N, C-alpha and C. Protein backbone atom coordinates (compact mmCIF):
# COMPACT_ATOMS: atom_id res chain seq x y z
N UNK A 1 110.39 76.87 -174.73
CA UNK A 1 109.50 78.03 -174.79
C UNK A 1 108.70 78.02 -176.09
N UNK A 2 107.41 78.24 -175.97
CA UNK A 2 106.56 78.38 -177.14
C UNK A 2 106.63 79.83 -177.62
N UNK A 3 106.95 80.00 -178.90
CA UNK A 3 107.00 81.33 -179.51
C UNK A 3 105.82 81.43 -180.48
N UNK A 4 104.80 82.21 -180.16
CA UNK A 4 103.64 82.32 -181.05
C UNK A 4 104.03 82.90 -182.41
N UNK A 5 103.38 82.39 -183.45
CA UNK A 5 103.60 82.85 -184.81
C UNK A 5 102.42 83.72 -185.25
N UNK A 6 102.72 84.88 -185.82
CA UNK A 6 101.70 85.72 -186.43
C UNK A 6 102.17 86.10 -187.83
N UNK A 7 101.39 85.75 -188.83
CA UNK A 7 101.65 86.17 -190.21
C UNK A 7 100.83 87.42 -190.51
N UNK A 8 101.47 88.39 -191.14
CA UNK A 8 100.79 89.64 -191.49
C UNK A 8 100.60 89.76 -192.99
N UNK A 9 99.43 90.23 -193.37
CA UNK A 9 99.14 90.52 -194.77
C UNK A 9 98.12 91.64 -194.81
N UNK A 10 98.45 92.71 -195.53
CA UNK A 10 97.56 93.88 -195.61
C UNK A 10 97.19 94.42 -194.23
N UNK A 11 98.14 94.34 -193.30
CA UNK A 11 97.94 94.94 -191.99
C UNK A 11 97.18 94.11 -190.98
N UNK A 12 96.73 92.91 -191.38
CA UNK A 12 96.01 92.06 -190.43
C UNK A 12 96.72 90.72 -190.27
N UNK A 13 96.37 90.02 -189.21
CA UNK A 13 96.92 88.68 -188.98
C UNK A 13 96.16 87.68 -189.85
N UNK A 14 96.92 86.78 -190.49
CA UNK A 14 96.32 85.79 -191.39
C UNK A 14 96.87 84.41 -191.06
N UNK A 15 96.26 83.38 -191.64
CA UNK A 15 96.75 82.02 -191.43
C UNK A 15 96.46 81.18 -192.66
N UNK A 16 97.25 80.11 -192.80
CA UNK A 16 97.07 79.19 -193.92
C UNK A 16 97.96 77.97 -193.73
N UNK A 17 98.08 77.19 -194.80
CA UNK A 17 98.84 75.94 -194.72
C UNK A 17 99.93 75.86 -195.77
N UNK A 18 101.02 75.21 -195.39
CA UNK A 18 102.08 74.76 -196.31
C UNK A 18 102.69 75.88 -197.15
N UNK A 19 102.63 77.10 -196.65
CA UNK A 19 103.25 78.21 -197.36
C UNK A 19 102.50 78.67 -198.60
N UNK A 20 101.25 78.22 -198.78
CA UNK A 20 100.45 78.65 -199.94
C UNK A 20 99.80 80.00 -199.60
N UNK A 21 100.61 81.06 -199.68
CA UNK A 21 100.21 82.35 -199.13
C UNK A 21 99.04 83.00 -199.84
N UNK A 22 98.82 82.64 -201.10
CA UNK A 22 97.70 83.23 -201.84
C UNK A 22 96.36 82.77 -201.27
N UNK A 23 96.37 81.69 -200.48
CA UNK A 23 95.12 81.15 -199.92
C UNK A 23 94.92 81.56 -198.46
N UNK A 24 95.85 82.33 -197.89
CA UNK A 24 95.75 82.69 -196.47
C UNK A 24 94.52 83.56 -196.22
N UNK A 25 93.89 83.33 -195.06
CA UNK A 25 92.68 84.05 -194.68
C UNK A 25 92.89 84.72 -193.32
N UNK A 26 92.04 85.69 -192.96
CA UNK A 26 92.18 86.32 -191.64
C UNK A 26 92.26 85.30 -190.52
N UNK A 27 93.17 85.53 -189.61
CA UNK A 27 93.42 84.59 -188.52
C UNK A 27 92.26 84.55 -187.54
N UNK A 28 91.87 83.33 -187.18
CA UNK A 28 90.93 83.11 -186.09
C UNK A 28 91.73 82.54 -184.93
N UNK A 29 91.71 83.21 -183.80
CA UNK A 29 92.53 82.81 -182.67
C UNK A 29 91.73 82.82 -181.38
N UNK A 30 92.09 81.93 -180.47
CA UNK A 30 91.43 81.87 -179.17
C UNK A 30 91.84 83.06 -178.29
N UNK A 31 92.85 83.81 -178.71
CA UNK A 31 93.36 84.89 -177.88
C UNK A 31 92.61 86.20 -178.06
N UNK A 32 91.88 86.34 -179.18
CA UNK A 32 91.11 87.57 -179.40
C UNK A 32 90.04 87.28 -180.44
N UNK A 33 88.98 88.08 -180.40
CA UNK A 33 87.86 87.85 -181.33
C UNK A 33 88.00 88.62 -182.63
N UNK A 34 89.23 89.09 -182.93
CA UNK A 34 89.48 89.77 -184.20
C UNK A 34 90.80 89.31 -184.77
N UNK A 35 91.12 89.79 -185.97
CA UNK A 35 92.41 89.49 -186.61
C UNK A 35 93.36 90.68 -186.49
N UNK A 36 93.10 91.55 -185.53
CA UNK A 36 93.94 92.72 -185.29
C UNK A 36 95.24 92.29 -184.62
N UNK A 37 96.38 92.45 -185.29
CA UNK A 37 97.64 91.98 -184.72
C UNK A 37 98.04 92.69 -183.44
N UNK A 38 97.62 93.94 -183.27
CA UNK A 38 97.94 94.68 -182.05
C UNK A 38 97.18 94.08 -180.86
N UNK A 39 95.90 93.85 -181.05
CA UNK A 39 95.08 93.26 -179.99
C UNK A 39 95.55 91.85 -179.65
N UNK A 40 95.93 91.09 -180.66
CA UNK A 40 96.42 89.73 -180.43
C UNK A 40 97.75 89.77 -179.67
N UNK A 41 98.61 90.72 -180.01
CA UNK A 41 99.89 90.86 -179.31
C UNK A 41 99.68 91.15 -177.83
N UNK A 42 98.74 92.05 -177.53
CA UNK A 42 98.43 92.37 -176.14
C UNK A 42 97.95 91.12 -175.41
N UNK A 43 97.06 90.37 -176.06
CA UNK A 43 96.52 89.16 -175.43
C UNK A 43 97.60 88.11 -175.20
N UNK A 44 98.53 87.98 -176.14
CA UNK A 44 99.61 87.01 -175.98
C UNK A 44 100.53 87.39 -174.83
N UNK A 45 100.82 88.68 -174.70
CA UNK A 45 101.64 89.13 -173.58
C UNK A 45 100.94 88.85 -172.27
N UNK A 46 99.65 89.15 -172.20
CA UNK A 46 98.89 88.91 -170.97
C UNK A 46 98.81 87.43 -170.64
N UNK A 47 98.89 86.57 -171.67
CA UNK A 47 98.86 85.12 -171.46
C UNK A 47 100.21 84.57 -170.98
N UNK A 48 101.24 85.42 -170.98
CA UNK A 48 102.52 85.00 -170.44
C UNK A 48 103.61 84.71 -171.45
N UNK A 49 103.34 84.91 -172.73
CA UNK A 49 104.36 84.66 -173.75
C UNK A 49 105.41 85.77 -173.71
N UNK A 50 106.67 85.40 -174.00
CA UNK A 50 107.79 86.32 -173.83
C UNK A 50 108.22 87.01 -175.12
N UNK A 51 107.97 86.40 -176.26
CA UNK A 51 108.28 87.00 -177.55
C UNK A 51 107.44 86.33 -178.62
N UNK A 52 107.36 86.97 -179.79
CA UNK A 52 106.58 86.42 -180.89
C UNK A 52 107.39 86.45 -182.18
N UNK A 53 107.02 85.56 -183.06
CA UNK A 53 107.62 85.48 -184.40
C UNK A 53 106.60 86.10 -185.37
N UNK A 54 107.04 87.09 -186.12
CA UNK A 54 106.15 87.74 -187.08
C UNK A 54 106.72 87.59 -188.49
N UNK A 55 105.91 87.10 -189.40
CA UNK A 55 106.29 87.04 -190.81
C UNK A 55 105.46 88.08 -191.57
N UNK A 56 106.14 89.04 -192.16
CA UNK A 56 105.48 90.06 -192.97
C UNK A 56 105.39 89.50 -194.39
N UNK A 57 104.25 88.89 -194.70
CA UNK A 57 104.10 88.20 -195.99
C UNK A 57 104.15 89.18 -197.16
N UNK A 58 103.65 90.38 -196.96
CA UNK A 58 103.72 91.39 -198.02
C UNK A 58 105.17 91.71 -198.36
N UNK A 59 105.99 91.89 -197.32
CA UNK A 59 107.41 92.21 -197.54
C UNK A 59 108.14 91.03 -198.18
N UNK A 60 107.85 89.82 -197.71
CA UNK A 60 108.49 88.62 -198.24
C UNK A 60 108.21 88.47 -199.74
N UNK A 61 107.00 88.88 -200.14
CA UNK A 61 106.59 88.74 -201.55
C UNK A 61 106.76 90.04 -202.33
N UNK A 62 107.53 91.00 -201.76
CA UNK A 62 107.81 92.28 -202.43
C UNK A 62 106.55 93.04 -202.78
N UNK A 63 105.57 93.03 -201.85
CA UNK A 63 104.31 93.72 -202.09
C UNK A 63 104.07 94.85 -201.09
N UNK A 64 105.14 95.29 -200.42
CA UNK A 64 105.01 96.36 -199.43
C UNK A 64 105.48 95.91 -198.07
N UNK A 65 105.41 96.84 -197.11
CA UNK A 65 105.88 96.57 -195.75
C UNK A 65 104.78 96.87 -194.74
N UNK A 66 104.79 96.14 -193.64
CA UNK A 66 103.88 96.39 -192.53
C UNK A 66 104.66 96.88 -191.30
N UNK A 67 105.69 97.70 -191.54
CA UNK A 67 106.59 98.08 -190.46
C UNK A 67 105.91 98.89 -189.36
N UNK A 68 104.96 99.73 -189.71
CA UNK A 68 104.27 100.51 -188.69
C UNK A 68 103.55 99.58 -187.71
N UNK A 69 102.86 98.60 -188.25
CA UNK A 69 102.15 97.63 -187.41
C UNK A 69 103.15 96.83 -186.58
N UNK A 70 104.22 96.38 -187.22
CA UNK A 70 105.22 95.58 -186.53
C UNK A 70 105.87 96.37 -185.39
N UNK A 71 106.13 97.65 -185.63
CA UNK A 71 106.73 98.49 -184.58
C UNK A 71 105.81 98.57 -183.37
N UNK A 72 104.53 98.73 -183.61
CA UNK A 72 103.56 98.76 -182.51
C UNK A 72 103.53 97.43 -181.77
N UNK A 73 103.60 96.32 -182.51
CA UNK A 73 103.61 95.00 -181.88
C UNK A 73 104.85 94.84 -181.01
N UNK A 74 105.98 95.31 -181.51
CA UNK A 74 107.25 95.18 -180.78
C UNK A 74 107.25 96.03 -179.51
N UNK A 75 106.49 97.12 -179.51
CA UNK A 75 106.37 97.94 -178.30
C UNK A 75 105.57 97.22 -177.21
N UNK A 76 104.81 96.21 -177.62
CA UNK A 76 103.99 95.44 -176.68
C UNK A 76 104.73 94.19 -176.20
N UNK A 77 105.31 93.46 -177.13
CA UNK A 77 106.00 92.21 -176.84
C UNK A 77 107.15 92.07 -177.84
N UNK A 78 108.34 91.65 -177.42
CA UNK A 78 109.47 91.57 -178.34
C UNK A 78 109.18 90.72 -179.57
N UNK A 79 109.55 91.27 -180.73
CA UNK A 79 109.27 90.64 -182.02
C UNK A 79 110.56 90.17 -182.68
N UNK A 80 110.54 88.94 -183.18
CA UNK A 80 111.55 88.49 -184.13
C UNK A 80 110.86 88.48 -185.49
N UNK A 81 111.40 89.27 -186.42
CA UNK A 81 110.68 89.58 -187.67
C UNK A 81 111.35 88.98 -188.89
N UNK A 82 110.54 88.28 -189.69
CA UNK A 82 110.95 87.89 -191.03
C UNK A 82 110.23 88.82 -192.00
N UNK A 83 110.99 89.73 -192.57
CA UNK A 83 110.42 90.69 -193.52
C UNK A 83 110.99 90.49 -194.92
N UNK A 84 111.52 89.30 -195.17
CA UNK A 84 112.07 89.04 -196.49
C UNK A 84 113.38 89.75 -196.74
N UNK A 85 114.10 90.08 -195.67
CA UNK A 85 115.38 90.78 -195.80
C UNK A 85 116.29 90.02 -196.75
N UNK A 86 116.81 90.71 -197.77
CA UNK A 86 117.64 89.99 -198.74
C UNK A 86 119.01 90.60 -198.99
N UNK A 87 119.30 91.72 -198.32
CA UNK A 87 120.62 92.32 -198.54
C UNK A 87 121.03 93.16 -197.34
N UNK A 88 122.29 93.52 -197.32
CA UNK A 88 122.86 94.32 -196.24
C UNK A 88 122.16 95.67 -196.13
N UNK A 89 121.84 96.28 -197.25
CA UNK A 89 121.28 97.63 -197.26
C UNK A 89 119.93 97.72 -196.57
N UNK A 90 119.17 96.61 -196.56
CA UNK A 90 117.83 96.63 -195.97
C UNK A 90 117.85 96.48 -194.45
N UNK A 91 118.96 96.04 -193.90
CA UNK A 91 118.97 95.56 -192.52
C UNK A 91 118.79 96.66 -191.48
N UNK A 92 119.46 97.80 -191.65
CA UNK A 92 119.50 98.80 -190.59
C UNK A 92 118.12 99.34 -190.26
N UNK A 93 117.32 99.62 -191.28
CA UNK A 93 115.97 100.14 -191.05
C UNK A 93 115.11 99.15 -190.28
N UNK A 94 115.25 97.86 -190.62
CA UNK A 94 114.47 96.82 -189.94
C UNK A 94 114.92 96.68 -188.50
N UNK A 95 116.22 96.74 -188.26
CA UNK A 95 116.76 96.57 -186.91
C UNK A 95 116.31 97.68 -185.97
N UNK A 96 115.97 98.83 -186.52
CA UNK A 96 115.47 99.93 -185.69
C UNK A 96 114.02 99.71 -185.26
N UNK A 97 113.38 98.69 -185.84
CA UNK A 97 111.95 98.47 -185.63
C UNK A 97 111.65 97.38 -184.62
N UNK A 98 112.46 96.33 -184.57
CA UNK A 98 112.16 95.14 -183.78
C UNK A 98 113.37 94.71 -182.95
N UNK A 99 113.13 93.75 -182.05
CA UNK A 99 114.21 93.25 -181.21
C UNK A 99 115.19 92.40 -182.01
N UNK A 100 114.66 91.52 -182.88
CA UNK A 100 115.51 90.63 -183.66
C UNK A 100 115.02 90.56 -185.10
N UNK A 101 115.98 90.50 -186.01
CA UNK A 101 115.67 90.38 -187.44
C UNK A 101 116.07 88.99 -187.91
N UNK A 102 115.19 88.38 -188.68
CA UNK A 102 115.45 87.04 -189.21
C UNK A 102 116.08 87.14 -190.59
N UNK A 103 117.20 86.44 -190.76
CA UNK A 103 117.86 86.34 -192.06
C UNK A 103 117.56 84.95 -192.59
N UNK A 104 116.71 84.87 -193.60
CA UNK A 104 116.18 83.59 -194.05
C UNK A 104 116.76 83.15 -195.39
N UNK A 105 116.99 81.85 -195.51
CA UNK A 105 117.49 81.33 -196.79
C UNK A 105 116.49 81.56 -197.91
N UNK A 106 115.20 81.64 -197.58
CA UNK A 106 114.19 81.82 -198.63
C UNK A 106 114.42 83.11 -199.41
N UNK A 107 114.86 84.17 -198.74
CA UNK A 107 114.89 85.47 -199.39
C UNK A 107 116.27 86.11 -199.52
N UNK A 108 117.28 85.64 -198.82
CA UNK A 108 118.60 86.27 -198.88
C UNK A 108 119.16 86.20 -200.30
N UNK A 109 119.81 87.27 -200.74
CA UNK A 109 120.32 87.32 -202.11
C UNK A 109 121.46 86.34 -202.36
N UNK A 110 122.30 86.16 -201.35
CA UNK A 110 123.45 85.27 -201.50
C UNK A 110 123.95 84.87 -200.12
N UNK A 111 124.71 83.80 -200.06
CA UNK A 111 125.31 83.38 -198.80
C UNK A 111 126.36 84.39 -198.35
N UNK A 112 126.95 85.10 -199.30
CA UNK A 112 127.91 86.15 -198.94
C UNK A 112 127.21 87.30 -198.21
N UNK A 113 126.00 87.65 -198.66
CA UNK A 113 125.23 88.68 -197.96
C UNK A 113 124.92 88.23 -196.54
N UNK A 114 124.60 86.96 -196.39
CA UNK A 114 124.31 86.43 -195.07
C UNK A 114 125.52 86.57 -194.15
N UNK A 115 126.68 86.19 -194.67
CA UNK A 115 127.92 86.30 -193.88
C UNK A 115 128.23 87.76 -193.55
N UNK A 116 128.00 88.65 -194.50
CA UNK A 116 128.27 90.07 -194.27
C UNK A 116 127.39 90.62 -193.16
N UNK A 117 126.12 90.26 -193.17
CA UNK A 117 125.20 90.73 -192.13
C UNK A 117 125.64 90.28 -190.75
N UNK A 118 126.06 89.03 -190.64
CA UNK A 118 126.45 88.50 -189.34
C UNK A 118 127.81 89.02 -188.90
N UNK A 119 128.60 89.49 -189.83
CA UNK A 119 129.90 90.05 -189.45
C UNK A 119 129.79 91.52 -189.03
N UNK A 120 128.73 92.20 -189.48
CA UNK A 120 128.62 93.64 -189.24
C UNK A 120 127.70 93.98 -188.06
N UNK A 121 126.54 93.32 -187.98
CA UNK A 121 125.56 93.64 -186.96
C UNK A 121 125.71 92.73 -185.74
N UNK A 122 125.32 93.20 -184.55
CA UNK A 122 125.42 92.37 -183.34
C UNK A 122 124.63 91.07 -183.49
N UNK A 123 125.26 89.97 -183.14
CA UNK A 123 124.61 88.68 -183.32
C UNK A 123 123.34 88.53 -182.49
N UNK A 124 123.29 89.24 -181.37
CA UNK A 124 122.10 89.11 -180.53
C UNK A 124 120.87 89.73 -181.17
N UNK A 125 121.07 90.50 -182.26
CA UNK A 125 119.93 91.10 -182.97
C UNK A 125 119.53 90.33 -184.22
N UNK A 126 120.25 89.26 -184.53
CA UNK A 126 119.99 88.50 -185.76
C UNK A 126 119.66 87.04 -185.44
N UNK A 127 118.76 86.50 -186.23
CA UNK A 127 118.43 85.08 -186.16
C UNK A 127 118.49 84.52 -187.58
N UNK A 128 119.24 83.46 -187.77
CA UNK A 128 119.28 82.81 -189.09
C UNK A 128 118.12 81.82 -189.20
N UNK A 129 117.50 81.78 -190.35
CA UNK A 129 116.42 80.81 -190.58
C UNK A 129 116.75 79.93 -191.77
N UNK A 130 116.78 78.63 -191.52
CA UNK A 130 116.96 77.64 -192.59
C UNK A 130 115.56 77.21 -193.01
N UNK A 131 115.13 77.70 -194.16
CA UNK A 131 113.78 77.40 -194.66
C UNK A 131 113.84 76.17 -195.57
N UNK A 132 112.89 75.29 -195.36
CA UNK A 132 112.89 74.00 -196.06
C UNK A 132 111.52 73.76 -196.67
N UNK A 133 111.51 73.26 -197.89
CA UNK A 133 110.26 72.89 -198.53
C UNK A 133 110.47 71.61 -199.33
N UNK A 134 109.63 70.65 -199.06
CA UNK A 134 109.68 69.35 -199.75
C UNK A 134 111.08 68.73 -199.66
N UNK A 135 111.70 68.87 -198.50
CA UNK A 135 112.97 68.21 -198.24
C UNK A 135 114.21 68.92 -198.72
N UNK A 136 114.05 70.11 -199.28
CA UNK A 136 115.20 70.86 -199.81
C UNK A 136 115.27 72.26 -199.19
N UNK A 137 116.48 72.82 -199.15
CA UNK A 137 116.64 74.19 -198.67
C UNK A 137 115.91 75.13 -199.62
N UNK A 138 115.06 75.97 -199.06
CA UNK A 138 114.26 76.90 -199.86
C UNK A 138 115.01 78.21 -200.03
N UNK A 139 115.17 78.65 -201.28
CA UNK A 139 115.84 79.91 -201.56
C UNK A 139 115.42 80.47 -202.89
N UNK A 140 114.89 81.70 -202.88
CA UNK A 140 114.50 82.35 -204.14
C UNK A 140 115.71 82.73 -204.97
N UNK A 141 116.78 83.15 -204.28
CA UNK A 141 117.94 83.71 -204.97
C UNK A 141 119.19 82.85 -204.85
N UNK A 142 119.15 81.85 -204.00
CA UNK A 142 120.33 81.00 -203.81
C UNK A 142 120.00 79.56 -204.16
N UNK A 143 120.99 78.87 -204.66
CA UNK A 143 120.85 77.44 -204.93
C UNK A 143 121.86 76.72 -204.05
N UNK A 144 121.38 76.17 -202.95
CA UNK A 144 122.29 75.58 -201.97
C UNK A 144 121.69 74.32 -201.39
N UNK A 145 122.48 73.62 -200.57
CA UNK A 145 122.02 72.39 -199.94
C UNK A 145 122.35 72.43 -198.46
N UNK A 146 121.95 71.39 -197.75
CA UNK A 146 122.14 71.36 -196.30
C UNK A 146 123.62 71.40 -195.93
N UNK A 147 124.44 70.74 -196.70
CA UNK A 147 125.87 70.70 -196.40
C UNK A 147 126.47 72.10 -196.40
N UNK A 148 126.13 72.90 -197.43
CA UNK A 148 126.65 74.26 -197.51
C UNK A 148 126.11 75.13 -196.38
N UNK A 149 124.83 74.96 -196.05
CA UNK A 149 124.22 75.75 -195.00
C UNK A 149 124.87 75.45 -193.65
N UNK A 150 125.14 74.19 -193.40
CA UNK A 150 125.78 73.80 -192.14
C UNK A 150 127.19 74.40 -192.06
N UNK A 151 127.91 74.42 -193.17
CA UNK A 151 129.24 75.04 -193.20
C UNK A 151 129.15 76.52 -192.86
N UNK A 152 128.15 77.19 -193.41
CA UNK A 152 127.96 78.62 -193.13
C UNK A 152 127.67 78.84 -191.64
N UNK A 153 126.80 78.02 -191.07
CA UNK A 153 126.46 78.16 -189.66
C UNK A 153 127.71 77.98 -188.79
N UNK A 154 128.53 77.02 -189.12
CA UNK A 154 129.76 76.81 -188.36
C UNK A 154 130.71 77.99 -188.49
N UNK A 155 130.65 78.67 -189.63
CA UNK A 155 131.53 79.82 -189.87
C UNK A 155 131.05 81.07 -189.17
N UNK A 156 129.75 81.39 -189.30
CA UNK A 156 129.25 82.66 -188.77
C UNK A 156 128.80 82.56 -187.31
N UNK A 157 128.55 81.33 -186.85
CA UNK A 157 128.20 81.08 -185.44
C UNK A 157 127.03 81.93 -184.95
N UNK A 158 125.87 81.82 -185.57
CA UNK A 158 124.70 82.56 -185.08
C UNK A 158 124.28 82.05 -183.70
N UNK A 159 123.74 82.93 -182.89
CA UNK A 159 123.30 82.51 -181.55
C UNK A 159 122.03 81.66 -181.62
N UNK A 160 121.18 81.96 -182.61
CA UNK A 160 119.94 81.20 -182.78
C UNK A 160 119.74 80.87 -184.25
N UNK A 161 119.24 79.66 -184.51
CA UNK A 161 118.92 79.23 -185.87
C UNK A 161 117.53 78.62 -185.87
N UNK A 162 116.67 79.17 -186.72
CA UNK A 162 115.34 78.60 -186.91
C UNK A 162 115.42 77.52 -187.98
N UNK A 163 114.81 76.38 -187.69
CA UNK A 163 114.61 75.33 -188.70
C UNK A 163 113.12 75.35 -189.03
N UNK A 164 112.78 75.85 -190.21
CA UNK A 164 111.37 76.04 -190.56
C UNK A 164 111.01 75.20 -191.78
N UNK A 165 110.22 74.17 -191.55
CA UNK A 165 109.74 73.34 -192.65
C UNK A 165 108.42 73.94 -193.15
N UNK A 166 108.52 74.73 -194.21
CA UNK A 166 107.36 75.44 -194.75
C UNK A 166 106.28 74.46 -195.19
N UNK A 167 106.67 73.29 -195.66
CA UNK A 167 105.70 72.29 -196.12
C UNK A 167 104.76 71.85 -195.01
N UNK A 168 105.20 71.96 -193.76
CA UNK A 168 104.41 71.48 -192.63
C UNK A 168 103.67 72.58 -191.89
N UNK A 169 103.90 73.83 -192.29
CA UNK A 169 103.24 74.95 -191.61
C UNK A 169 101.72 74.79 -191.69
N UNK A 170 101.07 74.89 -190.54
CA UNK A 170 99.61 74.82 -190.49
C UNK A 170 99.01 73.45 -190.61
N UNK A 171 99.84 72.40 -190.72
CA UNK A 171 99.32 71.06 -190.95
C UNK A 171 99.13 70.25 -189.68
N UNK A 172 99.86 70.60 -188.61
CA UNK A 172 99.84 69.84 -187.35
C UNK A 172 100.19 68.37 -187.58
N UNK A 173 101.10 68.13 -188.52
CA UNK A 173 101.51 66.76 -188.84
C UNK A 173 102.72 66.29 -188.04
N UNK A 174 103.23 67.13 -187.19
CA UNK A 174 104.43 66.77 -186.45
C UNK A 174 105.67 67.32 -187.13
N UNK A 175 106.78 67.30 -186.39
CA UNK A 175 108.00 67.94 -186.89
C UNK A 175 108.76 67.02 -187.83
N UNK A 176 109.68 67.61 -188.55
CA UNK A 176 110.51 66.92 -189.54
C UNK A 176 111.74 66.34 -188.84
N UNK A 177 111.71 65.04 -188.57
CA UNK A 177 112.80 64.39 -187.84
C UNK A 177 114.13 64.49 -188.59
N UNK A 178 114.08 64.29 -189.90
CA UNK A 178 115.33 64.33 -190.69
C UNK A 178 115.98 65.70 -190.61
N UNK A 179 115.17 66.73 -190.66
CA UNK A 179 115.69 68.10 -190.58
C UNK A 179 116.38 68.34 -189.24
N UNK A 180 115.73 67.95 -188.18
CA UNK A 180 116.30 68.14 -186.85
C UNK A 180 117.61 67.38 -186.71
N UNK A 181 117.64 66.14 -187.18
CA UNK A 181 118.84 65.31 -187.04
C UNK A 181 120.04 65.90 -187.77
N UNK A 182 119.79 66.63 -188.85
CA UNK A 182 120.90 67.24 -189.60
C UNK A 182 121.61 68.34 -188.79
N UNK A 183 120.86 69.02 -187.93
CA UNK A 183 121.38 70.23 -187.29
C UNK A 183 121.56 70.10 -185.78
N UNK A 184 121.13 69.00 -185.20
CA UNK A 184 121.05 68.90 -183.74
C UNK A 184 122.40 69.04 -183.05
N UNK A 185 123.49 68.70 -183.72
CA UNK A 185 124.81 68.73 -183.07
C UNK A 185 125.54 70.06 -183.22
N UNK A 186 124.93 71.02 -183.89
CA UNK A 186 125.58 72.32 -184.07
C UNK A 186 125.58 73.13 -182.76
N UNK A 187 126.61 73.95 -182.59
CA UNK A 187 126.72 74.76 -181.38
C UNK A 187 125.93 76.06 -181.54
N UNK A 188 124.62 75.93 -181.52
CA UNK A 188 123.73 77.07 -181.60
C UNK A 188 122.41 76.67 -180.97
N UNK A 189 121.60 77.65 -180.62
CA UNK A 189 120.29 77.38 -180.06
C UNK A 189 119.29 77.24 -181.21
N UNK A 190 118.69 76.05 -181.33
CA UNK A 190 117.76 75.78 -182.42
C UNK A 190 116.34 76.15 -182.01
N UNK A 191 115.61 76.72 -182.99
CA UNK A 191 114.19 77.02 -182.84
C UNK A 191 113.47 76.26 -183.95
N UNK A 192 112.55 75.39 -183.58
CA UNK A 192 111.91 74.53 -184.58
C UNK A 192 110.52 75.02 -184.92
N UNK A 193 110.20 75.06 -186.22
CA UNK A 193 108.88 75.47 -186.66
C UNK A 193 108.38 74.61 -187.81
N UNK A 194 107.07 74.48 -187.88
CA UNK A 194 106.44 73.73 -188.97
C UNK A 194 105.89 72.40 -188.49
N UNK A 195 104.58 72.39 -188.18
CA UNK A 195 103.91 71.14 -187.81
C UNK A 195 104.08 70.71 -186.37
N UNK A 196 104.73 71.52 -185.55
CA UNK A 196 105.00 71.12 -184.16
C UNK A 196 103.69 70.95 -183.39
N UNK A 197 103.58 69.79 -182.71
CA UNK A 197 102.38 69.47 -181.93
C UNK A 197 102.73 69.40 -180.44
N UNK A 198 101.70 69.44 -179.63
CA UNK A 198 101.89 69.35 -178.18
C UNK A 198 102.67 68.10 -177.80
N UNK A 199 102.34 66.96 -178.43
CA UNK A 199 102.99 65.70 -178.08
C UNK A 199 104.43 65.60 -178.56
N UNK A 200 104.86 66.56 -179.39
CA UNK A 200 106.26 66.55 -179.87
C UNK A 200 107.21 67.22 -178.87
N UNK A 201 106.68 68.05 -177.99
CA UNK A 201 107.53 68.91 -177.16
C UNK A 201 108.47 68.11 -176.27
N UNK A 202 107.98 67.07 -175.62
CA UNK A 202 108.82 66.28 -174.72
C UNK A 202 109.98 65.65 -175.47
N UNK A 203 109.69 65.03 -176.63
CA UNK A 203 110.74 64.39 -177.41
C UNK A 203 111.79 65.41 -177.86
N UNK A 204 111.34 66.56 -178.34
CA UNK A 204 112.26 67.59 -178.81
C UNK A 204 113.09 68.17 -177.67
N UNK A 205 112.45 68.35 -176.53
CA UNK A 205 113.18 68.86 -175.36
C UNK A 205 114.28 67.89 -174.95
N UNK A 206 113.98 66.60 -174.99
CA UNK A 206 114.99 65.59 -174.65
C UNK A 206 116.13 65.58 -175.66
N UNK A 207 115.86 66.03 -176.89
CA UNK A 207 116.90 66.13 -177.91
C UNK A 207 117.73 67.41 -177.75
N UNK A 208 117.29 68.30 -176.88
CA UNK A 208 118.04 69.53 -176.62
C UNK A 208 117.44 70.78 -177.24
N UNK A 209 116.28 70.66 -177.88
CA UNK A 209 115.61 71.83 -178.47
C UNK A 209 114.62 72.39 -177.46
N UNK A 210 114.74 73.69 -177.19
CA UNK A 210 113.95 74.29 -176.12
C UNK A 210 112.99 75.37 -176.59
N UNK A 211 113.06 75.74 -177.88
CA UNK A 211 112.21 76.81 -178.39
C UNK A 211 111.47 76.34 -179.64
N UNK A 212 110.19 76.69 -179.71
CA UNK A 212 109.33 76.17 -180.77
C UNK A 212 108.43 77.27 -181.32
N UNK A 213 108.39 77.36 -182.64
CA UNK A 213 107.43 78.26 -183.30
C UNK A 213 106.12 77.51 -183.46
N UNK A 214 105.06 78.08 -182.91
CA UNK A 214 103.75 77.41 -182.99
C UNK A 214 102.71 78.43 -183.43
N UNK A 215 102.02 78.10 -184.50
CA UNK A 215 100.99 78.98 -185.02
C UNK A 215 99.61 78.36 -184.90
N UNK A 216 99.26 77.50 -185.84
CA UNK A 216 97.92 76.92 -185.91
C UNK A 216 97.51 76.24 -184.62
N UNK A 217 98.38 75.39 -184.09
CA UNK A 217 98.04 74.64 -182.88
C UNK A 217 97.82 75.57 -181.68
N UNK A 218 98.53 76.69 -181.67
CA UNK A 218 98.38 77.65 -180.58
C UNK A 218 97.09 78.45 -180.72
N UNK A 219 96.87 78.99 -181.92
CA UNK A 219 95.70 79.85 -182.11
C UNK A 219 94.38 79.07 -182.08
N UNK A 220 94.45 77.77 -182.32
CA UNK A 220 93.25 76.95 -182.25
C UNK A 220 92.94 76.49 -180.83
N UNK A 221 93.89 76.73 -179.91
CA UNK A 221 93.65 76.39 -178.51
C UNK A 221 94.26 75.09 -178.05
N UNK A 222 94.96 74.37 -178.95
CA UNK A 222 95.58 73.10 -178.55
C UNK A 222 96.74 73.35 -177.60
N UNK A 223 97.54 74.38 -177.91
CA UNK A 223 98.58 74.84 -177.01
C UNK A 223 98.07 76.04 -176.24
N UNK A 224 98.37 76.11 -174.95
CA UNK A 224 98.04 77.34 -174.23
C UNK A 224 99.09 77.69 -173.18
N UNK A 225 100.10 76.85 -173.05
CA UNK A 225 101.15 77.09 -172.07
C UNK A 225 102.37 77.71 -172.75
N UNK A 226 102.79 78.90 -172.32
CA UNK A 226 103.93 79.54 -172.99
C UNK A 226 105.26 78.88 -172.68
N UNK A 227 105.33 78.01 -171.68
CA UNK A 227 106.60 77.40 -171.29
C UNK A 227 106.97 76.22 -172.18
């Protein structure tokens, strides 16, 4: 399944490359003639997509929240939201807004907070995200490696895990084979993001990955099939 990606900044949909968020510009998409995330959400639902991935860049960078917009989007099509959640205290308010909340290595305060969240809240409402940049686990507040992250996944048993190579976002360079190979044998449903191209889907599906985050390639019209 293709899961469309929408990044939010100052209330509008934006796009850019390689996680360089200061350079992101209003999104141009084949699905609508504006950068209005509500209108784009409606168009994506009408096109047959079942859920969307939303990154609230303002929240991730501690510059505010776009929860009102996200709530409206979730009323149209189910949203899995990365809002930079970094502690247990922030979770409940976010969970009231969207279908699924993403707990990402980039922003979580500690691995203990991650374990606490998965022990307290229903697993069907949480998605773990392993964020990677330049071959290493990305974390503002944690210093960890793939070995530790894999141990945590085996312990908390999340139903879904996103593998997001931030370095490849918006590049259409193809997926990170090394990253996939590290996690492919885990007993969880993997969602791959970062550089995924149309020609990668068959190979990834044969490897057992069935869900893909697609932003640039989708909004530019290269991808148009939600399946």
